[in-house]
Amino acid sequence: MRFTSTPRGARLARRLCAERLHAWGIPYGTEAHDTIALLVAELSANAVRHGRVPGRDFHVRLVVPTQPLAAVRIEVTDTRGERTPEPAQHLPGPDRTEGRGLLLVAALADRWGWCPRPGGAPGKKVWAEYELGGERHHGVSTSRP
């Protein structure tokens, strides 16, 4: 799905992905649904805030497996390749309203990372995976595109 690089586009990405998850058998109100929707929201917000190039959209790809106990994969692609995602090493102070997005992604996803955009196009792809029905193993991995 393609969205404008605006806060409205990020909200729409979360909402449409939440709807798709429900339609694909991951119901509203379940831990899996809410966690995956939050991952989409954080990655989309980062694409708008840190990956925005005026006039360029960002893309969200949501892959839901057909077999049980497999990983849902979220991929968000933007066109700004020189700003790569780096998780904060510690929580920002209570007076700060930013800097928690990738901390949330690292805490909720089983794996996440980033890679250059495929095909030599400008930008990057940031991805996260959430295991359905499995044990929670959170962490960063940049080895899988």
C-alpha atoms as a PDB file:
ATOM      1  CA  MET A   1       0.000   0.000   0.000  1.00  0.00           C
ATOM      2  CA  ARG A   2       1.187   3.502  -0.788  1.00  0.00           C
ATOM      3  CA  PHE A   3       0.643   6.495   1.506  1.00  0.00           C
ATOM      4  CA  THR A   4       1.473  10.180   1.504  1.00  0.00           C
ATOM      5  CA  SER A   5       4.424  11.078   3.736  1.00  0.00           C
ATOM      6  CA  THR A   6       2.239  12.990   6.175  1.00  0.00           C
ATOM      7  CA  PRO A   7       0.904  12.276   9.673  1.00  0.00           C
ATOM      8  CA  ARG A   8      -2.456  11.565   8.026  1.00  0.00           C
ATOM      9  CA  GLY A   9      -0.774   9.000   5.766  1.00  0.00           C
ATOM     10  CA  ALA A  10       0.793   7.286   8.791  1.00  0.00           C
ATOM     11  CA  ARG A  11      -2.587   7.136  10.573  1.00  0.00           C
ATOM     12  CA  LEU A  12      -4.225   5.736   7.454  1.00  0.00           C
ATOM     13  CA  ALA A  13      -1.493   3.083   7.120  1.00  0.00           C
ATOM     14  CA  ARG A  14      -2.157   1.889  10.667  1.00  0.00           C
ATOM     15  CA  ARG A  15      -5.905   1.883  10.189  1.00  0.00           C
ATOM     16  CA  LEU A  16      -5.863   0.021   6.869  1.00  0.00           C
ATOM     17  CA  CYS A  17      -3.363  -2.546   8.139  1.00  0.00           C
ATOM     18  CA  ALA A  18      -5.507  -3.093  11.247  1.00  0.00           C
ATOM     19  CA  GLU A  19      -8.510  -3.712   9.008  1.00  0.00           C
ATOM     20  CA  ARG A  20      -6.545  -6.122   6.799  1.00  0.00           C
ATOM     21  CA  LEU A  21      -5.252  -8.057   9.824  1.00  0.00           C
ATOM     22  CA  HIS A  22      -8.812  -8.542  11.055  1.00  0.00           C
ATOM     23  CA  ALA A  23     -10.001  -9.623   7.601  1.00  0.00           C
ATOM     24  CA  TRP A  24      -7.099 -12.071   7.337  1.00  0.00           C
ATOM     25  CA  GLY A  25      -7.944 -13.802  10.617  1.00  0.00           C
ATOM     26  CA  ILE A  26      -6.056 -11.809  13.260  1.00  0.00           C
ATOM     27  CA  PRO A  27      -9.048 -10.275  15.086  1.00  0.00           C
ATOM     28  CA  TYR A  28      -9.337  -6.824  16.601  1.00  0.00           C
ATOM     29  CA  GLY A  29      -8.564  -6.745  20.312  1.00  0.00           C
ATOM     30  CA  THR A  30      -6.139  -9.671  20.343  1.00  0.00           C
ATOM     31  CA  GLU A  31      -2.559  -9.234  21.510  1.00  0.00           C
ATOM     32  CA  ALA A  32      -1.229 -10.126  18.071  1.00  0.00           C
ATOM     33  CA  HIS A  33      -3.511  -7.647  16.284  1.00  0.00           C
ATOM     34  CA  ASP A  34      -2.794  -4.780  18.651  1.00  0.00           C
ATOM     35  CA  THR A  35       0.964  -5.384  18.646  1.00  0.00           C
ATOM     36  CA  ILE A  36       1.225  -5.643  14.867  1.00  0.00           C
ATOM     37  CA  ALA A  37      -0.902  -2.508  14.432  1.00  0.00           C
ATOM     38  CA  LEU A  38       1.393  -0.659  16.843  1.00  0.00           C
ATOM     39  CA  LEU A  39       4.462  -1.836  14.895  1.00  0.00           C
ATOM     40  CA  VAL A  40       2.880  -0.535  11.672  1.00  0.00           C
ATOM     41  CA  ALA A  41       2.107   2.776  13.397  1.00  0.00           C
ATOM     42  CA  GLU A  42       5.653   3.261  14.710  1.00  0.00           C
ATOM     43  CA  LEU A  43       7.377   2.301  11.457  1.00  0.00           C
ATOM     44  CA  SER A  44       4.989   4.500   9.437  1.00  0.00           C
ATOM     45  CA  ALA A  45       5.463   7.453  11.786  1.00  0.00           C
ATOM     46  CA  ASN A  46       9.238   7.074  11.446  1.00  0.00           C
ATOM     47  CA  ALA A  47       8.947   6.995   7.644  1.00  0.00           C
ATOM     48  CA  VAL A  48       7.021  10.264   7.772  1.00  0.00           C
ATOM     49  CA  ARG A  49       9.233  11.961  10.351  1.00  0.00           C
ATOM     50  CA  HIS A  50      12.696  10.724   9.355  1.00  0.00           C
ATOM     51  CA  GLY A  51      12.313   9.324   5.829  1.00  0.00           C
ATOM     52  CA  ARG A  52      10.211  11.994   4.199  1.00  0.00           C
ATOM     53  CA  VAL A  53      11.235  13.512   0.914  1.00  0.00           C
ATOM     54  CA  PRO A  54       8.761  16.187  -0.237  1.00  0.00           C
ATOM     55  CA  GLY A  55       6.518  14.859  -2.984  1.00  0.00           C
ATOM     56  CA  ARG A  56       7.451  11.221  -2.340  1.00  0.00           C
ATOM     57  CA  ASP A  57       5.217   8.628  -0.698  1.00  0.00           C
ATOM     58  CA  PHE A  58       6.092   5.760   1.618  1.00  0.00           C
ATOM     59  CA  HIS A  59       5.011   2.161   1.125  1.00  0.00           C
ATOM     60  CA  VAL A  60       3.790  -0.443   3.589  1.00  0.00           C
ATOM     61  CA  ARG A  61       3.830  -4.143   2.842  1.00  0.00           C
ATOM     62  CA  LEU A  62       2.104  -6.489   5.263  1.00  0.00           C
ATOM     63  CA  VAL A  63       2.711 -10.225   4.870  1.00  0.00           C
ATOM     64  CA  VAL A  64       0.476 -12.540   6.879  1.00  0.00           C
ATOM     65  CA  PRO A  65       1.339 -16.243   6.632  1.00  0.00           C
ATOM     66  CA  THR A  66      -1.279 -18.853   5.848  1.00  0.00           C
ATOM     67  CA  GLN A  67       0.208 -21.429   8.234  1.00  0.00           C
ATOM     68  CA  PRO A  68      -0.114 -21.091  12.017  1.00  0.00           C
ATOM     69  CA  LEU A  69       2.848 -20.240  14.254  1.00  0.00           C
ATOM     70  CA  ALA A  70       4.590 -18.208  11.561  1.00  0.00           C
ATOM     71  CA  ALA A  71       5.708 -14.587  11.477  1.00  0.00           C
ATOM     72  CA  VAL A  72       3.772 -11.589  10.241  1.00  0.00           C
ATOM     73  CA  ARG A  73       6.168  -9.277   8.410  1.00  0.00           C
ATOM     74  CA  ILE A  74       5.788  -5.518   8.178  1.00  0.00           C
ATOM     75  CA  GLU A  75       7.921  -3.627   5.664  1.00  0.00           C
ATOM     76  CA  VAL A  76       7.920   0.164   5.397  1.00  0.00           C
ATOM     77  CA  THR A  77       9.865   1.716   2.551  1.00  0.00           C
ATOM     78  CA  ASP A  78      10.757   5.397   2.247  1.00  0.00           C
ATOM     79  CA  THR A  79      12.970   7.341  -0.166  1.00  0.00           C
ATOM     80  CA  ARG A  80      15.489   8.843   2.251  1.00  0.00           C
ATOM     81  CA  GLY A  81      18.447   6.477   2.411  1.00  0.00           C
ATOM     82  CA  GLU A  82      20.945   8.678   4.248  1.00  0.00           C
ATOM     83  CA  ARG A  83      18.891   8.634   7.483  1.00  0.00           C
ATOM     84  CA  THR A  84      19.163   5.094   8.771  1.00  0.00           C
ATOM     85  CA  PRO A  85      17.298   3.829  11.838  1.00  0.00           C
ATOM     86  CA  GLU A  86      19.315   3.696  15.029  1.00  0.00           C
ATOM     87  CA  PRO A  87      17.512   2.682  18.223  1.00  0.00           C
ATOM     88  CA  ALA A  88      18.110   4.883  21.246  1.00  0.00           C
ATOM     89  CA  GLN A  89      20.491   3.380  23.774  1.00  0.00           C
ATOM     90  CA  HIS A  90      18.361   4.621  26.680  1.00  0.00           C
ATOM     91  CA  LEU A  91      14.939   6.107  27.304  1.00  0.00           C
ATOM     92  CA  PRO A  92      14.632   9.805  26.568  1.00  0.00           C
ATOM     93  CA  GLY A  93      13.858  12.059  29.515  1.00  0.00           C
ATOM     94  CA  PRO A  94      10.267  12.570  30.670  1.00  0.00           C
ATOM     95  CA  ASP A  95      10.198  16.039  29.098  1.00  0.00           C
ATOM     96  CA  ARG A  96      10.910  14.620  25.611  1.00  0.00           C
ATOM     97  CA  THR A  97       8.030  13.608  23.356  1.00  0.00           C
ATOM     98  CA  GLU A  98      10.123  11.742  20.788  1.00  0.00           C
ATOM     99  CA  GLY A  99      12.774   9.034  20.576  1.00  0.00           C
ATOM    100  CA  ARG A 100      10.739   6.045  21.743  1.00  0.00           C
ATOM    101  CA  GLY A 101       9.534   4.585  18.432  1.00  0.00           C
ATOM    102  CA  LEU A 102      12.358   2.175  17.713  1.00  0.00           C
ATOM    103  CA  LEU A 103      12.559   1.255  21.402  1.00  0.00           C
ATOM    104  CA  LEU A 104       8.935   0.116  21.100  1.00  0.00           C
ATOM    105  CA  VAL A 105       9.662  -1.735  17.872  1.00  0.00           C
ATOM    106  CA  ALA A 106      12.642  -3.521  19.462  1.00  0.00           C
ATOM    107  CA  ALA A 107      10.553  -4.413  22.528  1.00  0.00           C
ATOM    108  CA  LEU A 108       7.533  -5.722  20.608  1.00  0.00           C
ATOM    109  CA  ALA A 109       8.961  -7.311  17.455  1.00  0.00           C
ATOM    110  CA  ASP A 110      10.675 -10.670  17.449  1.00  0.00           C
ATOM    111  CA  ARG A 111      13.096  -9.345  14.850  1.00  0.00           C
ATOM    112  CA  TRP A 112      13.561  -6.047  13.094  1.00  0.00           C
ATOM    113  CA  GLY A 113      16.101  -4.340  10.914  1.00  0.00           C
ATOM    114  CA  TRP A 114      16.613  -2.340   7.781  1.00  0.00           C
ATOM    115  CA  CYS A 115      18.268  -2.596   4.380  1.00  0.00           C
ATOM    116  CA  PRO A 116      18.732  -0.393   1.319  1.00  0.00           C
ATOM    117  CA  ARG A 117      15.707  -0.164  -0.913  1.00  0.00           C
ATOM    118  CA  PRO A 118      15.596  -2.999  -3.465  1.00  0.00           C
ATOM    119  CA  GLY A 119      16.614  -2.494  -7.059  1.00  0.00           C
ATOM    120  CA  GLY A 120      18.986   0.376  -6.373  1.00  0.00           C
ATOM    121  CA  ALA A 121      16.114   2.814  -5.787  1.00  0.00           C
ATOM    122  CA  PRO A 122      16.856   5.649  -3.369  1.00  0.00           C
ATOM    123  CA  GLY A 123      15.842   5.047   0.221  1.00  0.00           C
ATOM    124  CA  LYS A 124      15.550   2.190   2.664  1.00  0.00           C
ATOM    125  CA  LYS A 125      13.238  -0.541   3.839  1.00  0.00           C
ATOM    126  CA  VAL A 126      12.649  -0.965   7.590  1.00  0.00           C
ATOM    127  CA  TRP A 127      11.037  -4.247   8.576  1.00  0.00           C
ATOM    128  CA  ALA A 128       9.749  -6.001  11.656  1.00  0.00           C
ATOM    129  CA  GLU A 129       8.508  -9.531  12.265  1.00  0.00           C
ATOM    130  CA  TYR A 130       6.039 -10.722  14.879  1.00  0.00           C
ATOM    131  CA  GLU A 131       5.713 -14.466  15.535  1.00  0.00           C
ATOM    132  CA  LEU A 132       2.118 -15.638  15.769  1.00  0.00           C
ATOM    133  CA  GLY A 133       1.497 -17.937  18.701  1.00  0.00           C
ATOM    134  CA  GLY A 134       5.165 -18.412  19.502  1.00  0.00           C
ATOM    135  CA  GLU A 135       7.405 -17.416  22.353  1.00  0.00           C
ATOM    136  CA  ARG A 136       8.499 -13.795  22.357  1.00  0.00           C
ATOM    137  CA  HIS A 137      12.126 -13.333  21.249  1.00  0.00           C
ATOM    138  CA  HIS A 138      12.797  -9.653  20.755  1.00  0.00           C
ATOM    139  CA  GLY A 139      15.829  -8.157  19.119  1.00  0.00           C
ATOM    140  CA  VAL A 140      17.543  -6.456  16.239  1.00  0.00           C
ATOM    141  CA  SER A 141      18.704  -8.298  13.175  1.00  0.00           C
ATOM    142  CA  THR A 142      19.813  -6.539  10.029  1.00  0.00           C
ATOM    143  CA  SER A 143      20.793  -9.685   8.158  1.00  0.00           C
ATOM    144  CA  ARG A 144      17.405 -10.361   6.526  1.00  0.00           C
ATOM    145  CA  PRO A 145      16.252  -7.859   3.918  1.00  0.00           C
END
